[in-house]
Amino acid sequence: MRAFVIAAAAVTAVMAPWLQAQSPTFGLGRTPTPDELKAIDISVLPGGTGLPPGNGTAKAGKPIFDARCVTCHGATAREGPQDVLVGGQGTLATLKPLKTIGSYWPRATTLWDYVNRAMPFDHPGTLPANDVYSVTAYLLYLNGIVGESDVLDASSLPRVKMPNRDGFVPDSRPDTGTSANKKTKNPL
């Protein structure tokens, strides 16, 4: 028993500096305030939870698209040089599917979230909410999904029926898909 106690003490003495090194403190930073956390919590779920106040129409989105998006996606969003955003309906089952907003994306809220987080490419996350709603409406309009004057907001955007909404199979693993989405009340 005495040998065990000595061995345990020796292991503790040897391991103490290593254990301490795993969580060093440098006296820098602080715990963020709730308001600071809220400002960076920009998650938007498929059912619309997390969408901020604001609204937009395709008519309002065209000048924003022309000023901020044309360089990468072209004047009609069909020519690039980056991703083609319009067209492709009916091509997913062909040998050359064209995956665009109108042919592939299952949720309009996912489009809003992507534009909000990642666009424009040279200054991601800088568009105000109204501009994101407007650009989203414009892209949906170009794909024939909404009308030019339809107002998209936190209430109407989740109700937009995307052409490929039923083209995805829920992932039934316990940590994803159907069971995870039921917990958030946003079923696929």
Protein backbone atom coordinates (compact mmCIF):
# COMPACT_ATOMS: atom_id res chain seq x y z
CA MET A 1 0.00 0.00 0.00
CA ARG A 2 2.86 2.35 0.85
CA ALA A 3 4.41 1.76 -2.56
CA PHE A 4 1.10 2.66 -4.22
CA VAL A 5 0.85 5.92 -2.28
CA ILE A 6 4.44 6.82 -3.20
CA ALA A 7 3.79 5.95 -6.86
CA ALA A 8 0.59 8.01 -6.92
CA ALA A 9 2.38 10.97 -5.35
CA ALA A 10 5.21 10.68 -7.89
CA VAL A 11 2.77 10.54 -10.82
CA THR A 12 0.89 13.54 -9.43
CA ALA A 13 4.13 15.49 -9.00
CA VAL A 14 5.23 14.70 -12.55
CA MET A 15 1.82 15.36 -14.09
CA ALA A 16 0.99 18.59 -12.22
CA PRO A 17 2.92 20.95 -14.51
CA TRP A 18 1.52 19.20 -17.60
CA LEU A 19 -2.07 19.41 -16.34
CA GLN A 20 -1.57 23.07 -15.49
CA ALA A 21 -0.20 23.75 -18.98
CA GLN A 22 -3.40 22.45 -20.58
CA SER A 23 -5.42 25.45 -19.52
CA PRO A 24 -3.09 28.41 -19.22
CA THR A 25 -4.39 31.86 -18.46
CA PHE A 26 -2.66 34.86 -19.89
CA GLY A 27 -4.74 37.61 -18.32
CA LEU A 28 -6.18 38.49 -21.73
CA GLY A 29 -9.80 38.75 -22.77
CA ARG A 30 -12.97 38.44 -20.80
CA THR A 31 -16.23 36.57 -20.91
CA PRO A 32 -18.51 38.14 -23.54
CA THR A 33 -21.64 39.89 -22.35
CA PRO A 34 -25.05 38.51 -23.33
CA ASP A 35 -25.51 41.43 -25.76
CA GLU A 36 -22.17 40.66 -27.43
CA LEU A 37 -23.14 37.02 -27.84
CA LYS A 38 -26.53 38.01 -29.25
CA ALA A 39 -24.83 40.24 -31.84
CA ILE A 40 -22.86 37.31 -33.28
CA ASP A 41 -25.62 34.72 -32.98
CA ILE A 42 -26.82 34.91 -36.55
CA SER A 43 -28.09 31.35 -36.93
CA VAL A 44 -31.20 31.03 -39.07
CA LEU A 45 -32.98 27.68 -38.93
CA PRO A 46 -34.92 26.20 -41.87
CA GLY A 47 -38.27 27.08 -40.31
CA GLY A 48 -37.27 30.74 -40.00
CA THR A 49 -36.25 30.88 -36.35
CA GLY A 50 -33.51 33.50 -36.09
CA LEU A 51 -34.59 35.66 -39.01
CA PRO A 52 -34.27 39.30 -37.99
CA PRO A 53 -36.79 42.09 -38.51
CA GLY A 54 -36.73 43.64 -41.96
CA ASN A 55 -38.15 43.05 -45.42
CA GLY A 56 -37.40 43.31 -49.08
CA THR A 57 -38.69 42.81 -52.60
CA ALA A 58 -37.08 41.72 -55.85
CA LYS A 59 -37.58 45.24 -57.18
CA ALA A 60 -35.50 46.61 -54.29
CA GLY A 61 -32.99 43.76 -54.64
CA LYS A 62 -32.02 44.37 -58.27
CA PRO A 63 -29.96 47.54 -57.68
CA ILE A 64 -28.22 45.87 -54.73
CA PHE A 65 -27.44 42.81 -56.86
CA ASP A 66 -26.20 45.07 -59.67
CA ALA A 67 -23.89 46.94 -57.30
CA ARG A 68 -22.63 44.06 -55.14
CA CYS A 69 -23.09 40.73 -56.98
CA VAL A 70 -22.73 41.19 -60.75
CA THR A 71 -18.93 41.00 -60.71
CA CYS A 72 -19.03 37.38 -59.56
CA HIS A 73 -22.42 36.11 -60.76
CA GLY A 74 -23.01 38.10 -63.96
CA ALA A 75 -25.72 40.53 -64.96
CA THR A 76 -28.45 37.86 -65.10
CA ALA A 77 -26.96 35.52 -62.45
CA ARG A 78 -26.69 32.90 -65.21
CA GLU A 79 -23.22 33.53 -66.57
CA GLY A 80 -20.81 33.71 -63.63
CA PRO A 81 -17.76 33.70 -63.63
CA GLN A 82 -18.59 32.28 -60.20
CA ASP A 83 -21.60 30.11 -59.34
CA VAL A 84 -24.57 30.25 -61.68
CA LEU A 85 -27.56 31.14 -59.50
CA VAL A 86 -30.48 30.93 -61.93
CA GLY A 87 -31.93 28.15 -64.07
CA GLY A 88 -31.36 24.42 -63.92
CA GLN A 89 -34.95 23.40 -63.12
CA GLY A 90 -35.49 19.86 -64.34
CA THR A 91 -31.79 19.06 -64.73
CA LEU A 92 -31.06 17.29 -61.43
CA ALA A 93 -31.92 13.85 -62.82
CA THR A 94 -29.88 14.37 -66.01
CA LEU A 95 -26.25 13.56 -66.74
CA LYS A 96 -25.37 17.26 -66.38
CA PRO A 97 -27.38 18.64 -63.47
CA LEU A 98 -27.21 22.39 -62.91
CA LYS A 99 -27.46 23.02 -59.19
CA THR A 100 -28.80 26.53 -58.68
CA ILE A 101 -31.03 28.29 -56.18
CA GLY A 102 -34.08 27.41 -58.25
CA SER A 103 -33.19 23.81 -59.02
CA TYR A 104 -31.41 22.53 -55.94
CA TRP A 105 -31.81 24.61 -52.78
CA PRO A 106 -34.51 23.16 -50.51
CA ARG A 107 -35.29 26.23 -48.37
CA ALA A 108 -35.49 29.96 -49.02
CA THR A 109 -34.32 30.55 -45.44
CA THR A 110 -31.06 28.75 -46.26
CA LEU A 111 -30.51 31.19 -49.12
CA TRP A 112 -31.15 34.15 -46.80
CA ASP A 113 -28.73 32.72 -44.22
CA TYR A 114 -26.02 32.12 -46.82
CA VAL A 115 -26.31 35.60 -48.33
CA ASN A 116 -26.28 37.10 -44.84
CA ARG A 117 -23.17 35.23 -43.69
CA ALA A 118 -21.06 34.87 -46.82
CA MET A 119 -21.93 37.60 -49.31
CA PRO A 120 -20.75 39.73 -50.89
CA PHE A 121 -17.58 37.70 -51.26
CA ASP A 122 -15.23 40.64 -50.71
CA HIS A 123 -17.11 41.89 -47.60
CA PRO A 124 -19.11 38.99 -46.15
CA GLY A 125 -21.72 39.70 -43.53
CA THR A 126 -21.91 43.43 -44.23
CA LEU A 127 -25.33 43.68 -45.88
CA PRO A 128 -28.10 45.07 -43.65
CA ALA A 129 -31.06 42.75 -43.09
CA ASN A 130 -33.31 44.67 -45.51
CA ASP A 131 -30.69 44.28 -48.26
CA VAL A 132 -30.38 40.55 -47.55
CA TYR A 133 -34.16 40.15 -47.79
CA SER A 134 -34.14 42.17 -51.03
CA VAL A 135 -31.27 40.25 -52.69
CA THR A 136 -32.89 36.97 -51.61
CA ALA A 137 -36.19 38.12 -53.14
CA TYR A 138 -34.42 39.14 -56.35
CA LEU A 139 -32.69 35.76 -56.71
CA LEU A 140 -35.95 33.93 -56.02
CA TYR A 141 -37.68 36.18 -58.56
CA LEU A 142 -35.05 35.42 -61.23
CA ASN A 143 -35.75 31.73 -60.61
CA GLY A 144 -39.52 32.24 -61.01
CA ILE A 145 -40.28 31.41 -57.38
CA VAL A 146 -41.66 34.75 -56.12
CA GLY A 147 -43.10 37.81 -57.80
CA GLU A 148 -41.19 41.04 -58.35
CA SER A 149 -43.27 42.92 -55.77
CA ASP A 150 -43.73 40.10 -53.24
CA VAL A 151 -42.53 41.24 -49.81
CA LEU A 152 -40.22 38.80 -48.04
CA ASP A 153 -39.78 39.07 -44.29
CA ALA A 154 -39.37 36.80 -41.27
CA SER A 155 -42.98 35.64 -41.64
CA SER A 156 -43.25 35.14 -45.40
CA LEU A 157 -39.76 33.83 -46.24
CA PRO A 158 -40.14 30.46 -44.44
CA ARG A 159 -43.41 29.90 -46.35
CA VAL A 160 -41.75 30.17 -49.78
CA LYS A 161 -42.11 26.79 -51.51
CA MET A 162 -38.82 25.94 -53.22
CA PRO A 163 -39.03 23.67 -56.28
CA ASN A 164 -36.68 21.06 -54.76
CA ARG A 165 -38.00 21.25 -51.21
CA ASP A 166 -39.05 17.59 -51.29
CA GLY A 167 -35.91 16.43 -53.11
CA PHE A 168 -33.90 15.74 -49.97
CA VAL A 169 -34.06 12.64 -47.79
CA PRO A 170 -34.01 13.26 -44.03
CA ASP A 171 -31.00 11.82 -42.23
CA SER A 172 -32.42 9.54 -39.56
CA ARG A 173 -29.24 9.19 -37.49
CA PRO A 174 -29.97 10.17 -33.88
CA ASP A 175 -27.69 13.24 -33.91
CA THR A 176 -28.91 14.69 -37.22
CA GLY A 177 -31.83 14.82 -39.55
CA THR A 178 -35.37 14.06 -38.53
CA SER A 179 -34.91 13.46 -34.81
CA ALA A 180 -32.61 16.47 -34.34
CA ASN A 181 -34.96 18.70 -36.34
CA LYS A 182 -38.00 17.60 -34.34
CA LYS A 183 -36.26 18.95 -31.24
CA THR A 184 -35.95 22.38 -32.87
CA LYS A 185 -39.46 22.23 -34.38
CA ASN A 186 -38.00 22.66 -37.86
CA PRO A 187 -38.65 19.39 -39.65
CA LEU A 188 -37.05 18.77 -42.98
